[in-house]
Amino acid sequence: MARRRNRRTAWPGAEQSLDIFKAKVAKKEGFKAVRGKPDSVKYEVARSLGVPLHQGYNGHLKSEDAGKVGGRIGGSMVKEMIRMAKEQISDSSPEQRGSSSRRNKM
């Protein structure tokens, strides 16, 4: 029997911000995110890919199909986080970048 994943965030209280981020990324990818139901995007992605994902039990789903859905959503989120991090690094001054790297080497 497969274990259920722990769906809590690493930082308590970050759920709302994470849901907003998911909706923003989904919208950027052309999917409609329902406010208050961030998981609705996965069903829309599944439909667009022809994957038979339904609410509730999906034990019949192939790993490949589940990966297509999760990869489309998660991959887009990772790309956006990398873009945001690069933007933040380029916006910081050289002194700020140097001091943080020196601190990490100590």
PDB file of N, CA and C in Angstrom:
ATOM      1  N   MET A   1       0.843  -1.173   0.000  1.00  0.00           N
ATOM      2  CA  MET A   1       0.000   0.000   0.000  1.00  0.00           C
ATOM      3  C   MET A   1       0.891   1.240   0.000  1.00  0.00           C
ATOM      4  N   ALA A   2       0.575   2.176  -0.841  1.00  0.00           N
ATOM      5  CA  ALA A   2       1.371   3.397  -0.936  1.00  0.00           C
ATOM      6  C   ALA A   2       1.056   4.331   0.226  1.00  0.00           C
ATOM      7  N   ARG A   3       2.099   5.027   0.674  1.00  0.00           N
ATOM      8  CA  ARG A   3       1.896   6.001   1.750  1.00  0.00           C
ATOM      9  C   ARG A   3       1.386   7.311   1.165  1.00  0.00           C
ATOM     10  N   ARG A   4       0.609   8.003   1.925  1.00  0.00           N
ATOM     11  CA  ARG A   4       0.165   9.334   1.508  1.00  0.00           C
ATOM     12  C   ARG A   4       1.254  10.330   1.834  1.00  0.00           C
ATOM     13  N   ARG A   5       1.463  11.255   0.923  1.00  0.00           N
ATOM     14  CA  ARG A   5       2.475  12.278   1.152  1.00  0.00           C
ATOM     15  C   ARG A   5       1.972  13.280   2.172  1.00  0.00           C
ATOM     16  N   ASN A   6       2.909  13.821   2.914  1.00  0.00           N
ATOM     17  CA  ASN A   6       2.598  14.874   3.865  1.00  0.00           C
ATOM     18  C   ASN A   6       2.451  16.169   3.073  1.00  0.00           C
ATOM     19  N   ARG A   7       1.305  16.755   3.062  1.00  0.00           N
ATOM     20  CA  ARG A   7       1.048  17.931   2.239  1.00  0.00           C
ATOM     21  C   ARG A   7       1.157  19.242   3.023  1.00  0.00           C
ATOM     22  N   ARG A   8       1.814  19.188   4.172  1.00  0.00           N
ATOM     23  CA  ARG A   8       2.016  20.417   4.932  1.00  0.00           C
ATOM     24  C   ARG A   8       3.224  21.152   4.374  1.00  0.00           C
ATOM     25  N   THR A   9       3.192  22.464   4.485  1.00  0.00           N
ATOM     26  CA  THR A   9       4.332  23.257   4.032  1.00  0.00           C
ATOM     27  C   THR A   9       5.423  23.234   5.092  1.00  0.00           C
ATOM     28  N   ALA A  10       6.640  23.543   4.666  1.00  0.00           N
ATOM     29  CA  ALA A  10       7.772  23.571   5.596  1.00  0.00           C
ATOM     30  C   ALA A  10       7.610  24.700   6.614  1.00  0.00           C
ATOM     31  N   TRP A  11       6.955  25.779   6.203  1.00  0.00           N
ATOM     32  CA  TRP A  11       6.719  26.913   7.095  1.00  0.00           C
ATOM     33  C   TRP A  11       5.228  27.028   7.346  1.00  0.00           C
ATOM     34  N   PRO A  12       4.805  26.828   8.592  1.00  0.00           N
ATOM     35  CA  PRO A  12       3.380  26.962   8.909  1.00  0.00           C
ATOM     36  C   PRO A  12       2.870  28.345   8.508  1.00  0.00           C
ATOM     37  N   GLY A  13       1.712  28.361   7.888  1.00  0.00           N
ATOM     38  CA  GLY A  13       1.122  29.621   7.469  1.00  0.00           C
ATOM     39  C   GLY A  13       1.475  30.019   6.045  1.00  0.00           C
ATOM     40  N   ALA A  14       2.324  29.252   5.377  1.00  0.00           N
ATOM     41  CA  ALA A  14       2.741  29.592   4.015  1.00  0.00           C
ATOM     42  C   ALA A  14       1.775  29.054   2.959  1.00  0.00           C
ATOM     43  N   GLU A  15       0.775  28.310   3.379  1.00  0.00           N
ATOM     44  CA  GLU A  15      -0.136  27.667   2.439  1.00  0.00           C
ATOM     45  C   GLU A  15      -0.814  28.670   1.515  1.00  0.00           C
ATOM     46  N   GLN A  16      -1.289  29.776   2.080  1.00  0.00           N
ATOM     47  CA  GLN A  16      -2.008  30.763   1.279  1.00  0.00           C
ATOM     48  C   GLN A  16      -1.094  31.370   0.220  1.00  0.00           C
ATOM     49  N   SER A  17       0.125  31.716   0.603  1.00  0.00           N
ATOM     50  CA  SER A  17       1.073  32.287  -0.358  1.00  0.00           C
ATOM     51  C   SER A  17       1.423  31.271  -1.440  1.00  0.00           C
ATOM     52  N   LEU A  18       1.561  30.021  -1.058  1.00  0.00           N
ATOM     53  CA  LEU A  18       1.872  28.972  -2.020  1.00  0.00           C
ATOM     54  C   LEU A  18       0.712  28.772  -2.994  1.00  0.00           C
ATOM     55  N   ASP A  19      -0.513  28.824  -2.496  1.00  0.00           N
ATOM     56  CA  ASP A  19      -1.681  28.696  -3.364  1.00  0.00           C
ATOM     57  C   ASP A  19      -1.751  29.853  -4.359  1.00  0.00           C
ATOM     58  N   ILE A  20      -1.429  31.058  -3.910  1.00  0.00           N
ATOM     59  CA  ILE A  20      -1.414  32.225  -4.798  1.00  0.00           C
ATOM     60  C   ILE A  20      -0.348  32.045  -5.873  1.00  0.00           C
ATOM     61  N   PHE A  21       0.824  31.561  -5.464  1.00  0.00           N
ATOM     62  CA  PHE A  21       1.910  31.321  -6.415  1.00  0.00           C
ATOM     63  C   PHE A  21       1.505  30.271  -7.445  1.00  0.00           C
ATOM     64  N   LYS A  22       0.884  29.177  -6.994  1.00  0.00           N
ATOM     65  CA  LYS A  22       0.427  28.125  -7.909  1.00  0.00           C
ATOM     66  C   LYS A  22      -0.554  28.692  -8.929  1.00  0.00           C
ATOM     67  N   ALA A  23      -1.484  29.514  -8.453  1.00  0.00           N
ATOM     68  CA  ALA A  23      -2.480  30.104  -9.345  1.00  0.00           C
ATOM     69  C   ALA A  23      -1.822  31.026 -10.365  1.00  0.00           C
ATOM     70  N   LYS A  24      -0.845  31.797  -9.929  1.00  0.00           N
ATOM     71  CA  LYS A  24      -0.131  32.714 -10.823  1.00  0.00           C
ATOM     72  C   LYS A  24       0.587  31.940 -11.925  1.00  0.00           C
ATOM     73  N   VAL A  25       1.268  30.874 -11.550  1.00  0.00           N
ATOM     74  CA  VAL A  25       2.000  30.059 -12.525  1.00  0.00           C
ATOM     75  C   VAL A  25       1.024  29.368 -13.471  1.00  0.00           C
ATOM     76  N   ALA A  26      -0.072  28.840 -12.940  1.00  0.00           N
ATOM     77  CA  ALA A  26      -1.071  28.168 -13.774  1.00  0.00           C
ATOM     78  C   ALA A  26      -1.647  29.137 -14.799  1.00  0.00           C
ATOM     79  N   LYS A  27      -1.938  30.345 -14.360  1.00  0.00           N
ATOM     80  CA  LYS A  27      -2.495  31.352 -15.266  1.00  0.00           C
ATOM     81  C   LYS A  27      -1.488  31.691 -16.359  1.00  0.00           C
ATOM     82  N   LYS A  28      -0.230  31.815 -15.977  1.00  0.00           N
ATOM     83  CA  LYS A  28       0.832  32.119 -16.942  1.00  0.00           C
ATOM     84  C   LYS A  28       0.958  31.001 -17.980  1.00  0.00           C
ATOM     85  N   GLU A  29       0.675  29.767 -17.571  1.00  0.00           N
ATOM     86  CA  GLU A  29       0.739  28.612 -18.469  1.00  0.00           C
ATOM     87  C   GLU A  29      -0.550  28.440 -19.278  1.00  0.00           C
ATOM     88  N   GLY A  30      -1.533  29.305 -19.037  1.00  0.00           N
ATOM     89  CA  GLY A  30      -2.771  29.250 -19.805  1.00  0.00           C
ATOM     90  C   GLY A  30      -3.880  28.436 -19.175  1.00  0.00           C
ATOM     91  N   PHE A  31      -3.730  28.074 -17.914  1.00  0.00           N
ATOM     92  CA  PHE A  31      -4.758  27.311 -17.217  1.00  0.00           C
ATOM     93  C   PHE A  31      -5.520  28.220 -16.266  1.00  0.00           C
ATOM     94  N   LYS A  32      -6.764  27.860 -16.020  1.00  0.00           N
ATOM     95  CA  LYS A  32      -7.605  28.660 -15.138  1.00  0.00           C
ATOM     96  C   LYS A  32      -7.550  28.077 -13.731  1.00  0.00           C
ATOM     97  N   ALA A  33      -7.072  28.864 -12.794  1.00  0.00           N
ATOM     98  CA  ALA A  33      -7.013  28.426 -11.398  1.00  0.00           C
ATOM     99  C   ALA A  33      -8.250  28.936 -10.672  1.00  0.00           C
ATOM    100  N   VAL A  34      -8.938  28.044  -9.984  1.00  0.00           N
ATOM    101  CA  VAL A  34     -10.124  28.416  -9.224  1.00  0.00           C
ATOM    102  C   VAL A  34      -9.667  28.897  -7.856  1.00  0.00           C
ATOM    103  N   ARG A  35     -10.083  30.099  -7.491  1.00  0.00           N
ATOM    104  CA  ARG A  35      -9.674  30.670  -6.211  1.00  0.00           C
ATOM    105  C   ARG A  35     -10.144  29.782  -5.061  1.00  0.00           C
ATOM    106  N   GLY A  36      -9.219  29.486  -4.168  1.00  0.00           N
ATOM    107  CA  GLY A  36      -9.538  28.648  -3.022  1.00  0.00           C
ATOM    108  C   GLY A  36      -9.447  27.157  -3.309  1.00  0.00           C
ATOM    109  N   LYS A  37      -9.232  26.794  -4.583  1.00  0.00           N
ATOM    110  CA  LYS A  37      -9.104  25.385  -4.968  1.00  0.00           C
ATOM    111  C   LYS A  37      -7.895  25.228  -5.888  1.00  0.00           C
ATOM    112  N   PRO A  38      -6.687  25.342  -5.332  1.00  0.00           N
ATOM    113  CA  PRO A  38      -5.496  25.274  -6.186  1.00  0.00           C
ATOM    114  C   PRO A  38      -5.316  23.924  -6.876  1.00  0.00           C
ATOM    115  N   ASP A  39      -5.889  22.856  -6.308  1.00  0.00           N
ATOM    116  CA  ASP A  39      -5.762  21.536  -6.931  1.00  0.00           C
ATOM    117  C   ASP A  39      -6.600  21.400  -8.195  1.00  0.00           C
ATOM    118  N   SER A  40      -7.514  22.340  -8.435  1.00  0.00           N
ATOM    119  CA  SER A  40      -8.347  22.260  -9.632  1.00  0.00           C
ATOM    120  C   SER A  40      -7.506  22.336 -10.901  1.00  0.00           C
ATOM    121  N   VAL A  41      -6.344  22.946 -10.814  1.00  0.00           N
ATOM    122  CA  VAL A  41      -5.466  23.083 -11.980  1.00  0.00           C
ATOM    123  C   VAL A  41      -5.022  21.714 -12.484  1.00  0.00           C
ATOM    124  N   LYS A  42      -4.737  20.795 -11.563  1.00  0.00           N
ATOM    125  CA  LYS A  42      -4.242  19.487 -12.011  1.00  0.00           C
ATOM    126  C   LYS A  42      -5.278  18.755 -12.851  1.00  0.00           C
ATOM    127  N   TYR A  43      -6.565  18.958 -12.557  1.00  0.00           N
ATOM    128  CA  TYR A  43      -7.604  18.307 -13.346  1.00  0.00           C
ATOM    129  C   TYR A  43      -7.706  18.941 -14.729  1.00  0.00           C
ATOM    130  N   GLU A  44      -7.521  20.242 -14.794  1.00  0.00           N
ATOM    131  CA  GLU A  44      -7.534  20.934 -16.084  1.00  0.00           C
ATOM    132  C   GLU A  44      -6.328  20.506 -16.927  1.00  0.00           C
ATOM    133  N   VAL A  45      -5.167  20.405 -16.294  1.00  0.00           N
ATOM    134  CA  VAL A  45      -3.961  19.948 -16.995  1.00  0.00           C
ATOM    135  C   VAL A  45      -4.176  18.522 -17.491  1.00  0.00           C
ATOM    136  N   ALA A  46      -4.721  17.666 -16.643  1.00  0.00           N
ATOM    137  CA  ALA A  46      -4.969  16.273 -17.025  1.00  0.00           C
ATOM    138  C   ALA A  46      -5.900  16.197 -18.233  1.00  0.00           C
ATOM    139  N   ARG A  47      -6.970  16.990 -18.218  1.00  0.00           N
ATOM    140  CA  ARG A  47      -7.895  16.994 -19.358  1.00  0.00           C
ATOM    141  C   ARG A  47      -7.183  17.422 -20.632  1.00  0.00           C
ATOM    142  N   SER A  48      -6.344  18.461 -20.529  1.00  0.00           N
ATOM    143  CA  SER A  48      -5.651  18.962 -21.725  1.00  0.00           C
ATOM    144  C   SER A  48      -4.662  17.940 -22.282  1.00  0.00           C
ATOM    145  N   LEU A  49      -4.161  17.052 -21.423  1.00  0.00           N
ATOM    146  CA  LEU A  49      -3.205  16.029 -21.852  1.00  0.00           C
ATOM    147  C   LEU A  49      -3.872  14.692 -22.170  1.00  0.00           C
ATOM    148  N   GLY A  50      -5.184  14.609 -21.936  1.00  0.00           N
ATOM    149  CA  GLY A  50      -5.900  13.362 -22.178  1.00  0.00           C
ATOM    150  C   GLY A  50      -5.653  12.311 -21.111  1.00  0.00           C
ATOM    151  N   VAL A  51      -5.310  12.758 -19.911  1.00  0.00           N
ATOM    152  CA  VAL A  51      -5.044  11.846 -18.795  1.00  0.00           C
ATOM    153  C   VAL A  51      -6.328  11.693 -17.978  1.00  0.00           C
ATOM    154  N   PRO A  52      -6.775  10.444 -17.721  1.00  0.00           N
ATOM    155  CA  PRO A  52      -8.036  10.221 -17.004  1.00  0.00           C
ATOM    156  C   PRO A  52      -7.909  10.396 -15.486  1.00  0.00           C
ATOM    157  N   LEU A  53      -7.609  11.599 -15.046  1.00  0.00           N
ATOM    158  CA  LEU A  53      -7.480  11.901 -13.619  1.00  0.00           C
ATOM    159  C   LEU A  53      -8.828  12.379 -13.090  1.00  0.00           C
ATOM    160  N   HIS A  54      -9.258  11.793 -11.985  1.00  0.00           N
ATOM    161  CA  HIS A  54     -10.544  12.153 -11.380  1.00  0.00           C
ATOM    162  C   HIS A  54     -10.333  12.447  -9.905  1.00  0.00           C
ATOM    163  N   GLN A  55     -11.269  13.180  -9.309  1.00  0.00           N
ATOM    164  CA  GLN A  55     -11.190  13.404  -7.871  1.00  0.00           C
ATOM    165  C   GLN A  55     -11.397  12.068  -7.178  1.00  0.00           C
ATOM    166  N   GLY A  56     -10.683  11.890  -6.079  1.00  0.00           N
ATOM    167  CA  GLY A  56     -10.785  10.633  -5.347  1.00  0.00           C
ATOM    168  C   GLY A  56      -9.695   9.663  -5.750  1.00  0.00           C
ATOM    169  N   TYR A  57     -10.028   8.398  -5.758  1.00  0.00           N
ATOM    170  CA  TYR A  57      -9.062   7.329  -6.014  1.00  0.00           C
ATOM    171  C   TYR A  57      -8.648   7.294  -7.487  1.00  0.00           C
ATOM    172  N   ASN A  58      -7.335   7.246  -7.720  1.00  0.00           N
ATOM    173  CA  ASN A  58      -6.803   7.165  -9.080  1.00  0.00           C
ATOM    174  C   ASN A  58      -5.775   6.048  -9.200  1.00  0.00           C
ATOM    175  N   GLY A  59      -6.047   4.926  -8.536  1.00  0.00           N
ATOM    176  CA  GLY A  59      -5.115   3.806  -8.542  1.00  0.00           C
ATOM    177  C   GLY A  59      -4.892   3.207  -9.913  1.00  0.00           C
ATOM    178  N   HIS A  60      -5.818   3.439 -10.819  1.00  0.00           N
ATOM    179  CA  HIS A  60      -5.705   2.915 -12.179  1.00  0.00           C
ATOM    180  C   HIS A  60      -4.740   3.733 -13.037  1.00  0.00           C
ATOM    181  N   LEU A  61      -4.377   4.897 -12.560  1.00  0.00           N
ATOM    182  CA  LEU A  61      -3.560   5.825 -13.344  1.00  0.00           C
ATOM    183  C   LEU A  61      -2.132   5.305 -13.491  1.00  0.00           C
ATOM    184  N   LYS A  62      -1.611   5.360 -14.702  1.00  0.00           N
ATOM    185  CA  LYS A  62      -0.231   4.945 -14.945  1.00  0.00           C
ATOM    186  C   LYS A  62       0.716   5.989 -14.366  1.00  0.00           C
ATOM    187  N   SER A  63       1.865   5.542 -13.908  1.00  0.00           N
ATOM    188  CA  SER A  63       2.877   6.462 -13.376  1.00  0.00           C
ATOM    189  C   SER A  63       3.265   7.491 -14.425  1.00  0.00           C
ATOM    190  N   GLU A  64       3.359   7.054 -15.659  1.00  0.00           N
ATOM    191  CA  GLU A  64       3.722   7.954 -16.756  1.00  0.00           C
ATOM    192  C   GLU A  64       2.713   9.093 -16.883  1.00  0.00           C
ATOM    193  N   ASP A  65       1.427   8.759 -16.792  1.00  0.00           N
ATOM    194  CA  ASP A  65       0.388   9.783 -16.905  1.00  0.00           C
ATOM    195  C   ASP A  65       0.402  10.734 -15.714  1.00  0.00           C
ATOM    196  N   ALA A  66       0.585  10.175 -14.518  1.00  0.00           N
ATOM    197  CA  ALA A  66       0.659  11.028 -13.323  1.00  0.00           C
ATOM    198  C   ALA A  66       1.852  11.970 -13.432  1.00  0.00           C
ATOM    199  N   GLY A  67       2.958  11.469 -13.954  1.00  0.00           N
ATOM    200  CA  GLY A  67       4.151  12.289 -14.138  1.00  0.00           C
ATOM    201  C   GLY A  67       3.947  13.400 -15.144  1.00  0.00           C
ATOM    202  N   LYS A  68       3.155  13.125 -16.173  1.00  0.00           N
ATOM    203  CA  LYS A  68       2.863  14.161 -17.171  1.00  0.00           C
ATOM    204  C   LYS A  68       2.139  15.333 -16.519  1.00  0.00           C
ATOM    205  N   VAL A  69       1.165  15.013 -15.683  1.00  0.00           N
ATOM    206  CA  VAL A  69       0.377  16.061 -15.022  1.00  0.00           C
ATOM    207  C   VAL A  69       1.235  16.809 -14.008  1.00  0.00           C
ATOM    208  N   GLY A  70       1.873  16.072 -13.112  1.00  0.00           N
ATOM    209  CA  GLY A  70       2.698  16.702 -12.079  1.00  0.00           C
ATOM    210  C   GLY A  70       3.883  17.448 -12.647  1.00  0.00           C
ATOM    211  N   GLY A  71       4.475  16.892 -13.697  1.00  0.00           N
ATOM    212  CA  GLY A  71       5.627  17.540 -14.317  1.00  0.00           C
ATOM    213  C   GLY A  71       5.271  18.850 -14.983  1.00  0.00           C
ATOM    214  N   ARG A  72       4.115  18.886 -15.578  1.00  0.00           N
ATOM    215  CA  ARG A  72       3.669  20.119 -16.254  1.00  0.00           C
ATOM    216  C   ARG A  72       3.455  21.236 -15.236  1.00  0.00           C
ATOM    217  N   ILE A  73       2.884  20.890 -14.101  1.00  0.00           N
ATOM    218  CA  ILE A  73       2.607  21.890 -13.063  1.00  0.00           C
ATOM    219  C   ILE A  73       3.879  22.214 -12.285  1.00  0.00           C
ATOM    220  N   GLY A  74       4.508  21.195 -11.728  1.00  0.00           N
ATOM    221  CA  GLY A  74       5.702  21.398 -10.904  1.00  0.00           C
ATOM    222  C   GLY A  74       6.860  21.976 -11.686  1.00  0.00           C
ATOM    223  N   GLY A  75       7.038  21.508 -12.917  1.00  0.00           N
ATOM    224  CA  GLY A  75       8.119  22.026 -13.748  1.00  0.00           C
ATOM    225  C   GLY A  75       7.969  23.512 -14.008  1.00  0.00           C
ATOM    226  N   SER A  76       6.743  23.944 -14.250  1.00  0.00           N
ATOM    227  CA  SER A  76       6.478  25.368 -14.473  1.00  0.00           C
ATOM    228  C   SER A  76       6.743  26.177 -13.212  1.00  0.00           C
ATOM    229  N   MET A  77       6.398  25.606 -12.061  1.00  0.00           N
ATOM    230  CA  MET A  77       6.639  26.313 -10.799  1.00  0.00           C
ATOM    231  C   MET A  77       8.136  26.447 -10.533  1.00  0.00           C
ATOM    232  N   VAL A  78       8.893  25.391 -10.799  1.00  0.00           N
ATOM    233  CA  VAL A  78      10.341  25.442 -10.579  1.00  0.00           C
ATOM    234  C   VAL A  78      10.977  26.469 -11.507  1.00  0.00           C
ATOM    235  N   LYS A  79      10.575  26.475 -12.773  1.00  0.00           N
ATOM    236  CA  LYS A  79      11.115  27.458 -13.723  1.00  0.00           C
ATOM    237  C   LYS A  79      10.844  28.879 -13.241  1.00  0.00           C
ATOM    238  N   GLU A  80       9.645  29.114 -12.745  1.00  0.00           N
ATOM    239  CA  GLU A  80       9.287  30.452 -12.261  1.00  0.00           C
ATOM    240  C   GLU A  80      10.097  30.823 -11.022  1.00  0.00           C
ATOM    241  N   MET A  81      10.310  29.869 -10.116  1.00  0.00           N
ATOM    242  CA  MET A  81      11.117  30.154  -8.920  1.00  0.00           C
ATOM    243  C   MET A  81      12.559  30.469  -9.299  1.00  0.00           C
ATOM    244  N   ILE A  82      13.104  29.758 -10.272  1.00  0.00           N
ATOM    245  CA  ILE A  82      14.469  30.033 -10.731  1.00  0.00           C
ATOM    246  C   ILE A  82      14.536  31.412 -11.365  1.00  0.00           C
ATOM    247  N   ARG A  83      13.538  31.753 -12.180  1.00  0.00           N
ATOM    248  CA  ARG A  83      13.502  33.076 -12.803  1.00  0.00           C
ATOM    249  C   ARG A  83      13.460  34.174 -11.740  1.00  0.00           C
ATOM    250  N   MET A  84      12.634  33.972 -10.714  1.00  0.00           N
ATOM    251  CA  MET A  84      12.513  34.960  -9.643  1.00  0.00           C
ATOM    252  C   MET A  84      13.822  35.092  -8.869  1.00  0.00           C
ATOM    253  N   ALA A  85      14.487  33.974  -8.607  1.00  0.00           N
ATOM    254  CA  ALA A  85      15.760  34.009  -7.876  1.00  0.00           C
ATOM    255  C   ALA A  85      16.826  34.732  -8.685  1.00  0.00           C
ATOM    256  N   LYS A  86      16.896  34.450  -9.984  1.00  0.00           N
ATOM    257  CA  LYS A  86      17.869  35.133 -10.847  1.00  0.00           C
ATOM    258  C   LYS A  86      17.612  36.632 -10.864  1.00  0.00           C
ATOM    259  N   GLU A  87      16.348  36.996 -10.944  1.00  0.00           N
ATOM    260  CA  GLU A  87      15.976  38.413 -10.947  1.00  0.00           C
ATOM    261  C   GLU A  87      16.386  39.078  -9.637  1.00  0.00           C
ATOM    262  N   GLN A  88      16.152  38.392  -8.541  1.00  0.00           N
ATOM    263  CA  GLN A  88      16.504  38.935  -7.230  1.00  0.00           C
ATOM    264  C   GLN A  88      18.018  39.089  -7.096  1.00  0.00           C
ATOM    265  N   ILE A  89      18.773  38.123  -7.595  1.00  0.00           N
ATOM    266  CA  ILE A  89      20.233  38.196  -7.532  1.00  0.00           C
ATOM    267  C   ILE A  89      20.744  39.346  -8.385  1.00  0.00           C
ATOM    268  N   SER A  90      20.194  39.497  -9.581  1.00  0.00           N
ATOM    269  CA  SER A  90      20.670  40.565 -10.462  1.00  0.00           C
ATOM    270  C   SER A  90      20.286  41.943  -9.938  1.00  0.00           C
ATOM    271  N   ASP A  91      19.214  42.023  -9.154  1.00  0.00           N
ATOM    272  CA  ASP A  91      18.795  43.304  -8.582  1.00  0.00           C
ATOM    273  C   ASP A  91      19.594  43.690  -7.346  1.00  0.00           C
ATOM    274  N   SER A  92      20.272  42.725  -6.721  1.00  0.00           N
ATOM    275  CA  SER A  92      21.037  43.043  -5.514  1.00  0.00           C
ATOM    276  C   SER A  92      22.378  43.648  -5.908  1.00  0.00           C
ATOM    277  N   SER A  93      22.924  44.445  -5.017  1.00  0.00           N
ATOM    278  CA  SER A  93      24.201  45.109  -5.295  1.00  0.00           C
ATOM    279  C   SER A  93      25.348  44.116  -5.158  1.00  0.00           C
ATOM    280  N   PRO A  94      26.499  44.380  -5.812  1.00  0.00           N
ATOM    281  CA  PRO A  94      27.649  43.477  -5.696  1.00  0.00           C
ATOM    282  C   PRO A  94      28.106  43.302  -4.250  1.00  0.00           C
ATOM    283  N   GLU A  95      27.985  44.350  -3.435  1.00  0.00           N
ATOM    284  CA  GLU A  95      28.390  44.248  -2.030  1.00  0.00           C
ATOM    285  C   GLU A  95      27.527  43.230  -1.294  1.00  0.00           C
ATOM    286  N   GLN A  96      26.221  43.249  -1.577  1.00  0.00           N
ATOM    287  CA  GLN A  96      25.317  42.305  -0.923  1.00  0.00           C
ATOM    288  C   GLN A  96      25.629  40.881  -1.354  1.00  0.00           C
ATOM    289  N   ARG A  97      25.893  40.679  -2.646  1.00  0.00           N
ATOM    290  CA  ARG A  97      26.208  39.333  -3.134  1.00  0.00           C
ATOM    291  C   ARG A  97      27.515  38.843  -2.536  1.00  0.00           C
ATOM    292  N   GLY A  98      28.522  39.708  -2.456  1.00  0.00           N
ATOM    293  CA  GLY A  98      29.823  39.320  -1.915  1.00  0.00           C
ATOM    294  C   GLY A  98      29.766  38.994  -0.442  1.00  0.00           C
ATOM    295  N   SER A  99      29.012  39.766   0.325  1.00  0.00           N
ATOM    296  CA  SER A  99      28.955  39.521   1.768  1.00  0.00           C
ATOM    297  C   SER A  99      28.267  38.206   2.079  1.00  0.00           C
ATOM    298  N   SER A 100      27.254  37.838   1.313  1.00  0.00           N
ATOM    299  CA  SER A 100      26.573  36.575   1.595  1.00  0.00           C
ATOM    300  C   SER A 100      27.447  35.393   1.214  1.00  0.00           C
ATOM    301  N   SER A 101      28.238  35.516   0.142  1.00  0.00           N
ATOM    302  CA  SER A 101      29.096  34.387  -0.230  1.00  0.00           C
ATOM    303  C   SER A 101      30.255  34.244   0.746  1.00  0.00           C
ATOM    304  N   ARG A 102      30.766  35.360   1.274  1.00  0.00           N
ATOM    305  CA  ARG A 102      31.838  35.275   2.270  1.00  0.00           C
ATOM    306  C   ARG A 102      31.309  34.625   3.543  1.00  0.00           C
ATOM    307  N   ARG A 103      30.093  34.974   3.920  1.00  0.00           N
ATOM    308  CA  ARG A 103      29.494  34.425   5.129  1.00  0.00           C
ATOM    309  C   ARG A 103      29.335  32.907   4.999  1.00  0.00           C
ATOM    310  N   ASN A 104      28.971  32.438   3.821  1.00  0.00           N
ATOM    311  CA  ASN A 104      28.772  31.002   3.620  1.00  0.00           C
ATOM    312  C   ASN A 104      30.077  30.225   3.644  1.00  0.00           C
ATOM    313  N   LYS A 105      31.197  30.878   3.330  1.00  0.00           N
ATOM    314  CA  LYS A 105      32.483  30.188   3.297  1.00  0.00           C
ATOM    315  C   LYS A 105      33.087  30.030   4.681  1.00  0.00           C
ATOM    316  N   MET A 106      32.637  30.804   5.649  1.00  0.00           N
ATOM    317  CA  MET A 106      33.213  30.762   7.002  1.00  0.00           C
ATOM    318  C   MET A 106      32.777  29.554   7.754  1.00  0.00           C
TER     319      MET A 106
END
